[in-house]
């Protein structure tokens, strides 16, 4: 810590020129990006098909 003692207790800088970024926008900078285009849609479609199949299989046992 010795090498930072000259700056460690300084007040946080607030720009007079640029407005402070919202927490939402700041978080978006660090959010993961969609590296695989269409992956989300593929997963959702697979889940939909599996749920439909599960419901069909369990529907026959209830009757």
PDB file of N, CA and C in Angstrom:
ATOM      1  N   UNK A   1       0.817  -1.200   0.000  1.00  0.00           N
ATOM      2  CA  UNK A   1       0.000   0.000   0.000  1.00  0.00           C
ATOM      3  C   UNK A   1       0.859   1.263   0.000  1.00  0.00           C
ATOM      4  N   UNK A   2       2.079   1.152   0.369  1.00  0.00           N
ATOM      5  CA  UNK A   2       2.926   2.338   0.477  1.00  0.00           C
ATOM      6  C   UNK A   2       3.012   3.113  -0.839  1.00  0.00           C
ATOM      7  N   UNK A   3       3.032   2.402  -1.954  1.00  0.00           N
ATOM      8  CA  UNK A   3       3.186   3.104  -3.223  1.00  0.00           C
ATOM      9  C   UNK A   3       1.933   3.877  -3.642  1.00  0.00           C
ATOM     10  N   UNK A   4       0.794   3.639  -2.980  1.00  0.00           N
ATOM     11  CA  UNK A   4      -0.447   4.346  -3.321  1.00  0.00           C
ATOM     12  C   UNK A   4      -0.895   5.322  -2.230  1.00  0.00           C
ATOM     13  N   UNK A   5      -0.129   5.473  -1.200  1.00  0.00           N
ATOM     14  CA  UNK A   5      -0.552   6.322  -0.085  1.00  0.00           C
ATOM     15  C   UNK A   5      -0.790   7.763  -0.493  1.00  0.00           C
ATOM     16  N   UNK A   6      -0.137   8.243  -1.523  1.00  0.00           N
ATOM     17  CA  UNK A   6      -0.327   9.630  -1.939  1.00  0.00           C
ATOM     18  C   UNK A   6      -1.676   9.858  -2.642  1.00  0.00           C
ATOM     19  N   UNK A   7      -2.305   8.790  -3.130  1.00  0.00           N
ATOM     20  CA  UNK A   7      -3.571   8.968  -3.842  1.00  0.00           C
ATOM     21  C   UNK A   7      -4.741   8.226  -3.215  1.00  0.00           C
ATOM     22  N   UNK A   8      -4.499   7.352  -2.281  1.00  0.00           N
ATOM     23  CA  UNK A   8      -5.545   6.472  -1.760  1.00  0.00           C
ATOM     24  C   UNK A   8      -6.697   7.228  -1.109  1.00  0.00           C
ATOM     25  N   UNK A   9      -6.455   8.356  -0.502  1.00  0.00           N
ATOM     26  CA  UNK A   9      -7.519   9.089   0.194  1.00  0.00           C
ATOM     27  C   UNK A   9      -8.012  10.314  -0.570  1.00  0.00           C
ATOM     28  N   UNK A  10      -7.662  10.432  -1.826  1.00  0.00           N
ATOM     29  CA  UNK A  10      -8.157  11.542  -2.628  1.00  0.00           C
ATOM     30  C   UNK A  10      -9.638  11.345  -2.939  1.00  0.00           C
ATOM     31  N   UNK A  11     -10.400  12.437  -3.073  1.00  0.00           N
ATOM     32  CA  UNK A  11     -11.828  12.289  -3.416  1.00  0.00           C
ATOM     33  C   UNK A  11     -11.986  11.771  -4.848  1.00  0.00           C
ATOM     34  N   UNK A  12     -13.088  11.082  -5.067  1.00  0.00           N
ATOM     35  CA  UNK A  12     -13.387  10.540  -6.394  1.00  0.00           C
ATOM     36  C   UNK A  12     -13.620  11.681  -7.371  1.00  0.00           C
ATOM     37  N   UNK A  13     -13.035  11.599  -8.551  1.00  0.00           N
ATOM     38  CA  UNK A  13     -13.200  12.641  -9.569  1.00  0.00           C
ATOM     39  C   UNK A  13     -14.592  12.583 -10.177  1.00  0.00           C
ATOM     40  N   UNK A  14     -15.230  13.745 -10.293  1.00  0.00           N
ATOM     41  CA  UNK A  14     -16.525  13.860 -10.963  1.00  0.00           C
ATOM     42  C   UNK A  14     -16.361  14.873 -12.086  1.00  0.00           C
ATOM     43  N   UNK A  15     -16.621  14.430 -13.304  1.00  0.00           N
ATOM     44  CA  UNK A  15     -16.446  15.275 -14.478  1.00  0.00           C
ATOM     45  C   UNK A  15     -17.476  16.402 -14.505  1.00  0.00           C
ATOM     46  N   UNK A  16     -17.015  17.581 -14.898  1.00  0.00           N
ATOM     47  CA  UNK A  16     -17.919  18.714 -15.086  1.00  0.00           C
ATOM     48  C   UNK A  16     -18.449  18.721 -16.517  1.00  0.00           C
ATOM     49  N   UNK A  17     -17.784  18.037 -17.398  1.00  0.00           N
ATOM     50  CA  UNK A  17     -18.123  18.030 -18.814  1.00  0.00           C
ATOM     51  C   UNK A  17     -19.099  16.897 -19.175  1.00  0.00           C
ATOM     52  N   UNK A  18     -18.877  15.719 -18.633  1.00  0.00           N
ATOM     53  CA  UNK A  18     -19.675  14.547 -18.996  1.00  0.00           C
ATOM     54  C   UNK A  18     -20.591  14.143 -17.842  1.00  0.00           C
ATOM     55  N   UNK A  19     -21.866  13.917 -18.121  1.00  0.00           N
ATOM     56  CA  UNK A  19     -22.780  13.483 -17.053  1.00  0.00           C
ATOM     57  C   UNK A  19     -22.408  12.081 -16.574  1.00  0.00           C
ATOM     58  N   UNK A  20     -22.723  11.802 -15.331  1.00  0.00           N
ATOM     59  CA  UNK A  20     -22.406  10.491 -14.766  1.00  0.00           C
ATOM     60  C   UNK A  20     -23.249   9.421 -15.449  1.00  0.00           C
ATOM     61  N   UNK A  21     -22.627   8.318 -15.769  1.00  0.00           N
ATOM     62  CA  UNK A  21     -23.304   7.222 -16.447  1.00  0.00           C
ATOM     63  C   UNK A  21     -24.237   6.509 -15.465  1.00  0.00           C
ATOM     64  N   UNK A  22     -25.408   6.110 -15.956  1.00  0.00           N
ATOM     65  CA  UNK A  22     -26.337   5.377 -15.098  1.00  0.00           C
ATOM     66  C   UNK A  22     -25.751   4.008 -14.770  1.00  0.00           C
ATOM     67  N   UNK A  23     -26.213   3.421 -13.680  1.00  0.00           N
ATOM     68  CA  UNK A  23     -25.728   2.084 -13.319  1.00  0.00           C
ATOM     69  C   UNK A  23     -26.094   1.077 -14.404  1.00  0.00           C
ATOM     70  N   UNK A  24     -27.267   1.254 -15.036  1.00  0.00           N
ATOM     71  CA  UNK A  24     -27.719   0.351 -16.105  1.00  0.00           C
ATOM     72  C   UNK A  24     -26.745   0.376 -17.288  1.00  0.00           C
ATOM     73  N   UNK A  25     -26.384   1.586 -17.733  1.00  0.00           N
ATOM     74  CA  UNK A  25     -25.461   1.709 -18.862  1.00  0.00           C
ATOM     75  C   UNK A  25     -24.065   1.227 -18.503  1.00  0.00           C
ATOM     76  N   UNK A  26     -23.654   1.480 -17.285  1.00  0.00           N
ATOM     77  CA  UNK A  26     -22.334   1.035 -16.853  1.00  0.00           C
ATOM     78  C   UNK A  26     -22.277  -0.492 -16.821  1.00  0.00           C
ATOM     79  N   UNK A  27     -23.320  -1.115 -16.309  1.00  0.00           N
ATOM     80  CA  UNK A  27     -23.373  -2.579 -16.255  1.00  0.00           C
ATOM     81  C   UNK A  27     -23.375  -3.174 -17.660  1.00  0.00           C
ATOM     82  N   UNK A  28     -24.025  -2.495 -18.595  1.00  0.00           N
ATOM     83  CA  UNK A  28     -24.106  -2.997 -19.970  1.00  0.00           C
ATOM     84  C   UNK A  28     -22.730  -3.093 -20.617  1.00  0.00           C
ATOM     85  N   UNK A  29     -21.806  -2.260 -20.184  1.00  0.00           N
ATOM     86  CA  UNK A  29     -20.453  -2.315 -20.738  1.00  0.00           C
ATOM     87  C   UNK A  29     -19.770  -3.638 -20.419  1.00  0.00           C
ATOM     88  N   UNK A  30     -20.138  -4.227 -19.306  1.00  0.00           N
ATOM     89  CA  UNK A  30     -19.471  -5.439 -18.854  1.00  0.00           C
ATOM     90  C   UNK A  30     -20.310  -6.691 -19.079  1.00  0.00           C
ATOM     91  N   UNK A  31     -21.492  -6.524 -19.659  1.00  0.00           N
ATOM     92  CA  UNK A  31     -22.356  -7.669 -19.922  1.00  0.00           C
ATOM     93  C   UNK A  31     -21.747  -8.524 -21.032  1.00  0.00           C
ATOM     94  N   UNK A  32     -21.984  -9.823 -20.978  1.00  0.00           N
ATOM     95  CA  UNK A  32     -21.452 -10.681 -22.039  1.00  0.00           C
ATOM     96  C   UNK A  32     -22.129 -10.354 -23.374  1.00  0.00           C
ATOM     97  N   UNK A  33     -21.396 -10.518 -24.440  1.00  0.00           N
ATOM     98  CA  UNK A  33     -21.965 -10.258 -25.756  1.00  0.00           C
ATOM     99  C   UNK A  33     -22.355 -11.592 -26.394  1.00  0.00           C
ATOM    100  N   UNK A  34     -23.198 -11.534 -27.400  1.00  0.00           N
ATOM    101  CA  UNK A  34     -23.670 -12.740 -28.073  1.00  0.00           C
ATOM    102  C   UNK A  34     -22.631 -13.182 -29.106  1.00  0.00           C
ATOM    103  N   UNK A  35     -21.692 -13.989 -28.682  1.00  0.00           N
ATOM    104  CA  UNK A  35     -20.636 -14.458 -29.580  1.00  0.00           C
ATOM    105  C   UNK A  35     -21.181 -15.446 -30.613  1.00  0.00           C
ATOM    106  N   UNK A  36     -22.202 -16.181 -30.214  1.00  0.00           N
ATOM    107  CA  UNK A  36     -22.797 -17.160 -31.127  1.00  0.00           C
ATOM    108  C   UNK A  36     -24.182 -16.670 -31.533  1.00  0.00           C
ATOM    109  N   UNK A  37     -24.277 -16.104 -32.710  1.00  0.00           N
ATOM    110  CA  UNK A  37     -25.536 -15.559 -33.198  1.00  0.00           C
ATOM    111  C   UNK A  37     -26.546 -16.696 -33.362  1.00  0.00           C
ATOM    112  N   UNK A  38     -27.728 -16.511 -32.795  1.00  0.00           N
ATOM    113  CA  UNK A  38     -28.786 -17.504 -32.910  1.00  0.00           C
ATOM    114  C   UNK A  38     -28.759 -18.577 -31.841  1.00  0.00           C
ATOM    115  N   UNK A  39     -27.752 -18.568 -30.976  1.00  0.00           N
ATOM    116  CA  UNK A  39     -27.638 -19.612 -29.947  1.00  0.00           C
ATOM    117  C   UNK A  39     -28.812 -19.557 -28.978  1.00  0.00           C
ATOM    118  N   UNK A  40     -29.159 -18.345 -28.524  1.00  0.00           N
ATOM    119  CA  UNK A  40     -30.287 -18.192 -27.596  1.00  0.00           C
ATOM    120  C   UNK A  40     -31.575 -18.743 -28.191  1.00  0.00           C
ATOM    121  N   UNK A  41     -31.830 -18.413 -29.455  1.00  0.00           N
ATOM    122  CA  UNK A  41     -33.045 -18.874 -30.103  1.00  0.00           C
ATOM    123  C   UNK A  41     -33.063 -20.398 -30.226  1.00  0.00           C
ATOM    124  N   UNK A  42     -31.909 -20.984 -30.522  1.00  0.00           N
ATOM    125  CA  UNK A  42     -31.802 -22.435 -30.647  1.00  0.00           C
ATOM    126  C   UNK A  42     -32.090 -23.116 -29.314  1.00  0.00           C
ATOM    127  N   UNK A  43     -31.556 -22.568 -28.240  1.00  0.00           N
ATOM    128  CA  UNK A  43     -31.783 -23.134 -26.909  1.00  0.00           C
ATOM    129  C   UNK A  43     -33.263 -23.022 -26.535  1.00  0.00           C
ATOM    130  N   UNK A  44     -33.868 -21.871 -26.800  1.00  0.00           N
ATOM    131  CA  UNK A  44     -35.286 -21.679 -26.478  1.00  0.00           C
ATOM    132  C   UNK A  44     -36.166 -22.632 -27.281  1.00  0.00           C
ATOM    133  N   UNK A  45     -35.851 -22.826 -28.545  1.00  0.00           N
ATOM    134  CA  UNK A  45     -36.627 -23.742 -29.384  1.00  0.00           C
ATOM    135  C   UNK A  45     -36.474 -25.178 -28.900  1.00  0.00           C
ATOM    136  N   UNK A  46     -35.274 -25.553 -28.523  1.00  0.00           N
ATOM    137  CA  UNK A  46     -35.036 -26.898 -27.992  1.00  0.00           C
ATOM    138  C   UNK A  46     -35.824 -27.108 -26.694  1.00  0.00           C
ATOM    139  N   UNK A  47     -35.828 -26.117 -25.827  1.00  0.00           N
ATOM    140  CA  UNK A  47     -36.580 -26.208 -24.574  1.00  0.00           C
ATOM    141  C   UNK A  47     -38.071 -26.332 -24.852  1.00  0.00           C
ATOM    142  N   UNK A  48     -38.575 -25.547 -25.804  1.00  0.00           N
ATOM    143  CA  UNK A  48     -39.991 -25.602 -26.155  1.00  0.00           C
ATOM    144  C   UNK A  48     -40.380 -26.996 -26.644  1.00  0.00           C
ATOM    145  N   UNK A  49     -39.558 -27.581 -27.522  1.00  0.00           N
ATOM    146  CA  UNK A  49     -39.836 -28.915 -28.052  1.00  0.00           C
ATOM    147  C   UNK A  49     -39.798 -29.966 -26.943  1.00  0.00           C
ATOM    148  N   UNK A  50     -38.815 -29.868 -26.077  1.00  0.00           N
ATOM    149  CA  UNK A  50     -38.698 -30.838 -24.983  1.00  0.00           C
ATOM    150  C   UNK A  50     -39.854 -30.723 -23.998  1.00  0.00           C
ATOM    151  N   UNK A  51     -40.278 -29.509 -23.712  1.00  0.00           N
ATOM    152  CA  UNK A  51     -41.419 -29.320 -22.811  1.00  0.00           C
ATOM    153  C   UNK A  51     -42.692 -29.884 -23.429  1.00  0.00           C
ATOM    154  N   UNK A  52     -42.877 -29.657 -24.730  1.00  0.00           N
ATOM    155  CA  UNK A  52     -44.064 -30.184 -25.419  1.00  0.00           C
ATOM    156  C   UNK A  52     -44.043 -31.710 -25.398  1.00  0.00           C
ATOM    157  N   UNK A  53     -42.897 -32.287 -25.670  1.00  0.00           N
ATOM    158  CA  UNK A  53     -42.784 -33.749 -25.655  1.00  0.00           C
ATOM    159  C   UNK A  53     -43.046 -34.299 -24.249  1.00  0.00           C
ATOM    160  N   UNK A  54     -42.507 -33.629 -23.239  1.00  0.00           N
ATOM    161  CA  UNK A  54     -42.716 -34.046 -21.849  1.00  0.00           C
ATOM    162  C   UNK A  54     -44.201 -34.004 -21.489  1.00  0.00           C
ATOM    163  N   UNK A  55     -44.868 -32.910 -21.886  1.00  0.00           N
ATOM    164  CA  UNK A  55     -46.291 -32.773 -21.601  1.00  0.00           C
ATOM    165  C   UNK A  55     -47.103 -33.850 -22.308  1.00  0.00           C
ATOM    166  N   UNK A  56     -46.750 -34.158 -23.562  1.00  0.00           N
ATOM    167  CA  UNK A  56     -47.456 -35.209 -24.308  1.00  0.00           C
ATOM    168  C   UNK A  56     -47.286 -36.561 -23.628  1.00  0.00           C
ATOM    169  N   UNK A  57     -46.073 -36.876 -23.193  1.00  0.00           N
ATOM    170  CA  UNK A  57     -45.807 -38.164 -22.553  1.00  0.00           C
ATOM    171  C   UNK A  57     -46.537 -38.295 -21.229  1.00  0.00           C
ATOM    172  N   UNK A  58     -46.614 -37.241 -20.468  1.00  0.00           N
ATOM    173  CA  UNK A  58     -47.251 -37.301 -19.154  1.00  0.00           C
ATOM    174  C   UNK A  58     -48.764 -37.113 -19.231  1.00  0.00           C
ATOM    175  N   UNK A  59     -49.244 -36.587 -20.338  1.00  0.00           N
ATOM    176  CA  UNK A  59     -50.683 -36.436 -20.547  1.00  0.00           C
ATOM    177  C   UNK A  59     -51.344 -37.795 -20.691  1.00  0.00           C
ATOM    178  N   UNK A  60     -50.674 -38.745 -21.351  1.00  0.00           N
ATOM    179  CA  UNK A  60     -51.260 -40.079 -21.581  1.00  0.00           C
ATOM    180  C   UNK A  60     -51.372 -40.853 -20.274  1.00  0.00           C
ATOM    181  N   UNK A  61     -50.511 -40.591 -19.309  1.00  0.00           N
ATOM    182  CA  UNK A  61     -50.560 -41.304 -18.033  1.00  0.00           C
ATOM    183  C   UNK A  61     -51.657 -40.775 -17.125  1.00  0.00           C
ATOM    184  N   UNK A  62     -52.078 -39.531 -17.317  1.00  0.00           N
ATOM    185  CA  UNK A  62     -53.094 -38.936 -16.458  1.00  0.00           C
ATOM    186  C   UNK A  62     -54.490 -39.370 -16.838  1.00  0.00           C
ATOM    187  N   UNK A  63     -54.715 -39.759 -18.068  1.00  0.00           N
ATOM    188  CA  UNK A  63     -56.066 -40.138 -18.536  1.00  0.00           C
ATOM    189  C   UNK A  63     -56.457 -41.517 -18.104  1.00  0.00           C
TER     190      UNK A  63
END
